[in-house]
Amino acid sequence: KRGKKSSSLTNIEVRYKKMLQLCYGNGLSMREAFAASKITRSNFYNQRFLFELNTVDKEEYARILNDNPKASVRKLNVLCRERLGQSPWKEMFCSLQENEQLLRSTI
């Protein structure tokens, strides 16, 4: 099962980077980027915070995975989102958004 989660993170990383390029590189809105990329919103939003926490703090991301070995990818995404809303991760998250290294969103 760990392999499947690892594979999911790789997949979301590819999709996330594609969305970054479309939004910041090509100046598209999120809506336009979804249409252009053919990435489904539900899949993307159900996994995006996994990638974002891994970008902000790899150790905290690993801790969440290790503390929740039986959790679904969707549940892990919720846990990562909650963590990103806390200090000090929130400040790092916002800084990376301002530098266009993460997509804009509210947490």
C-alpha atoms as a PDB file:
ATOM      1  CA  LYS A   1       0.000   0.000   0.000  1.00  0.00           C
ATOM      2  CA  ARG A   2       2.884   2.390   0.683  1.00  0.00           C
ATOM      3  CA  GLY A   3       3.917   2.005  -2.972  1.00  0.00           C
ATOM      4  CA  LYS A   4       0.494   3.169  -4.133  1.00  0.00           C
ATOM      5  CA  LYS A   5       0.700   6.330  -2.002  1.00  0.00           C
ATOM      6  CA  SER A   6       4.193   6.973  -3.297  1.00  0.00           C
ATOM      7  CA  SER A   7       2.901   6.588  -6.830  1.00  0.00           C
ATOM      8  CA  SER A   8       0.029   8.975  -6.069  1.00  0.00           C
ATOM      9  CA  LEU A   9       2.471  11.619  -4.882  1.00  0.00           C
ATOM     10  CA  THR A  10       4.523  11.241  -8.064  1.00  0.00           C
ATOM     11  CA  ASN A  11       1.371  11.609 -10.135  1.00  0.00           C
ATOM     12  CA  ILE A  12       0.182  14.690  -8.251  1.00  0.00           C
ATOM     13  CA  GLU A  13       3.656  16.213  -8.544  1.00  0.00           C
ATOM     14  CA  VAL A  14       3.501  15.910 -12.335  1.00  0.00           C
ATOM     15  CA  ARG A  15      -0.030  17.346 -12.448  1.00  0.00           C
ATOM     16  CA  TYR A  16       0.790  20.092  -9.953  1.00  0.00           C
ATOM     17  CA  LYS A  17       3.851  21.234 -11.900  1.00  0.00           C
ATOM     18  CA  LYS A  18       1.792  21.256 -15.085  1.00  0.00           C
ATOM     19  CA  MET A  19      -0.798  23.472 -13.376  1.00  0.00           C
ATOM     20  CA  LEU A  20       1.959  25.793 -12.093  1.00  0.00           C
ATOM     21  CA  GLN A  21       3.301  26.175 -15.626  1.00  0.00           C
ATOM     22  CA  LEU A  22      -0.128  26.854 -17.092  1.00  0.00           C
ATOM     23  CA  CYS A  23      -1.140  29.340 -14.389  1.00  0.00           C
ATOM     24  CA  TYR A  24       2.107  31.232 -13.847  1.00  0.00           C
ATOM     25  CA  GLY A  25       4.016  30.498 -17.047  1.00  0.00           C
ATOM     26  CA  ASN A  26       1.115  30.894 -19.464  1.00  0.00           C
ATOM     27  CA  GLY A  27      -1.010  33.261 -17.383  1.00  0.00           C
ATOM     28  CA  LEU A  28      -4.096  31.058 -17.336  1.00  0.00           C
ATOM     29  CA  SER A  29      -6.697  31.034 -14.579  1.00  0.00           C
ATOM     30  CA  MET A  30      -7.157  27.789 -12.663  1.00  0.00           C
ATOM     31  CA  ARG A  31     -10.329  27.150 -14.632  1.00  0.00           C
ATOM     32  CA  GLU A  32      -8.554  27.638 -17.955  1.00  0.00           C
ATOM     33  CA  ALA A  33      -5.609  25.517 -16.775  1.00  0.00           C
ATOM     34  CA  PHE A  34      -7.892  22.613 -15.870  1.00  0.00           C
ATOM     35  CA  ALA A  35      -9.520  22.783 -19.301  1.00  0.00           C
ATOM     36  CA  ALA A  36      -6.181  23.033 -21.128  1.00  0.00           C
ATOM     37  CA  SER A  37      -4.515  20.244 -19.150  1.00  0.00           C
ATOM     38  CA  LYS A  38      -7.468  17.855 -19.041  1.00  0.00           C
ATOM     39  CA  ILE A  39      -6.660  17.294 -15.344  1.00  0.00           C
ATOM     40  CA  THR A  40      -9.810  16.580 -13.356  1.00  0.00           C
ATOM     41  CA  ARG A  41     -10.453  19.034 -10.565  1.00  0.00           C
ATOM     42  CA  SER A  42     -11.613  16.403  -8.100  1.00  0.00           C
ATOM     43  CA  ASN A  43      -8.454  14.287  -8.445  1.00  0.00           C
ATOM     44  CA  PHE A  44      -6.261  17.349  -8.222  1.00  0.00           C
ATOM     45  CA  TYR A  45      -7.972  18.842  -5.174  1.00  0.00           C
ATOM     46  CA  ASN A  46      -8.150  15.470  -3.416  1.00  0.00           C
ATOM     47  CA  GLN A  47      -4.342  15.246  -3.528  1.00  0.00           C
ATOM     48  CA  ARG A  48      -2.848  18.728  -3.891  1.00  0.00           C
ATOM     49  CA  PHE A  49      -2.055  19.351  -0.203  1.00  0.00           C
ATOM     50  CA  LEU A  50       0.049  16.176  -0.099  1.00  0.00           C
ATOM     51  CA  PHE A  51       2.357  17.745  -2.654  1.00  0.00           C
ATOM     52  CA  GLU A  52       2.258  21.171  -1.017  1.00  0.00           C
ATOM     53  CA  LEU A  53       3.185  19.951   2.469  1.00  0.00           C
ATOM     54  CA  ASN A  54       5.923  17.782   0.970  1.00  0.00           C
ATOM     55  CA  THR A  55       7.264  20.934  -0.719  1.00  0.00           C
ATOM     56  CA  VAL A  56       7.034  23.042   2.452  1.00  0.00           C
ATOM     57  CA  ASP A  57       8.360  20.458   4.932  1.00  0.00           C
ATOM     58  CA  LYS A  58       9.417  16.983   3.833  1.00  0.00           C
ATOM     59  CA  GLU A  59       9.930  15.785   7.423  1.00  0.00           C
ATOM     60  CA  GLU A  60       6.438  16.803   8.534  1.00  0.00           C
ATOM     61  CA  TYR A  61       4.986  15.201   5.417  1.00  0.00           C
ATOM     62  CA  ALA A  62       6.835  11.944   6.206  1.00  0.00           C
ATOM     63  CA  ARG A  63       5.631  12.122   9.822  1.00  0.00           C
ATOM     64  CA  ILE A  64       1.997  12.353   8.678  1.00  0.00           C
ATOM     65  CA  LEU A  65       2.438   9.355   6.363  1.00  0.00           C
ATOM     66  CA  ASN A  66       4.159   7.313   9.067  1.00  0.00           C
ATOM     67  CA  ASP A  67       1.599   8.225  11.752  1.00  0.00           C
ATOM     68  CA  ASN A  68      -1.323   7.277   9.483  1.00  0.00           C
ATOM     69  CA  PRO A  69      -0.242   4.141   7.585  1.00  0.00           C
ATOM     70  CA  LYS A  70      -3.787   2.969   6.861  1.00  0.00           C
ATOM     71  CA  ALA A  71      -5.266   6.328   5.918  1.00  0.00           C
ATOM     72  CA  SER A  72      -6.570   6.891   2.422  1.00  0.00           C
ATOM     73  CA  VAL A  73      -4.875   9.405   0.134  1.00  0.00           C
ATOM     74  CA  ARG A  74      -7.901  11.654   0.576  1.00  0.00           C
ATOM     75  CA  LYS A  75      -7.613  11.526   4.395  1.00  0.00           C
ATOM     76  CA  LEU A  76      -3.870  12.221   4.175  1.00  0.00           C
ATOM     77  CA  ASN A  77      -4.659  15.220   1.971  1.00  0.00           C
ATOM     78  CA  VAL A  78      -6.972  16.585   4.699  1.00  0.00           C
ATOM     79  CA  LEU A  79      -4.301  16.079   7.363  1.00  0.00           C
ATOM     80  CA  CYS A  80      -1.720  17.861   5.200  1.00  0.00           C
ATOM     81  CA  ARG A  81      -4.111  20.756   4.592  1.00  0.00           C
ATOM     82  CA  GLU A  82      -4.747  21.108   8.310  1.00  0.00           C
ATOM     83  CA  ARG A  83      -1.011  21.162   8.997  1.00  0.00           C
ATOM     84  CA  LEU A  84      -0.416  23.819   6.332  1.00  0.00           C
ATOM     85  CA  GLY A  85      -2.910  26.055   8.155  1.00  0.00           C
ATOM     86  CA  GLN A  86      -0.799  25.989  11.322  1.00  0.00           C
ATOM     87  CA  SER A  87       2.289  27.966  12.240  1.00  0.00           C
ATOM     88  CA  PRO A  88       5.136  27.783  11.107  1.00  0.00           C
ATOM     89  CA  TRP A  89       3.952  25.937   7.994  1.00  0.00           C
ATOM     90  CA  LYS A  90       1.373  28.586   7.123  1.00  0.00           C
ATOM     91  CA  GLU A  91       4.035  31.267   6.821  1.00  0.00           C
ATOM     92  CA  MET A  92       6.243  29.067   4.621  1.00  0.00           C
ATOM     93  CA  PHE A  93       3.233  28.070   2.517  1.00  0.00           C
ATOM     94  CA  CYS A  94       2.251  31.720   1.946  1.00  0.00           C
ATOM     95  CA  SER A  95       5.827  32.681   1.085  1.00  0.00           C
ATOM     96  CA  LEU A  96       6.050  29.931  -1.542  1.00  0.00           C
ATOM     97  CA  GLN A  97       2.730  31.072  -3.018  1.00  0.00           C
ATOM     98  CA  GLU A  98       3.996  34.643  -3.268  1.00  0.00           C
ATOM     99  CA  ASN A  99       7.092  33.374  -5.104  1.00  0.00           C
ATOM    100  CA  GLU A 100       4.860  31.396  -7.512  1.00  0.00           C
ATOM    101  CA  GLN A 101       6.274  28.063  -6.342  1.00  0.00           C
ATOM    102  CA  LEU A 102       2.867  26.925  -5.107  1.00  0.00           C
ATOM    103  CA  LEU A 103      -0.591  27.637  -6.478  1.00  0.00           C
ATOM    104  CA  ARG A 104      -2.669  30.283  -4.782  1.00  0.00           C
ATOM    105  CA  SER A 105      -5.339  29.001  -2.440  1.00  0.00           C
ATOM    106  CA  THR A 106      -6.639  29.434   1.028  1.00  0.00           C
ATOM    107  CA  ILE A 107      -5.952  26.873   3.715  1.00  0.00           C
END
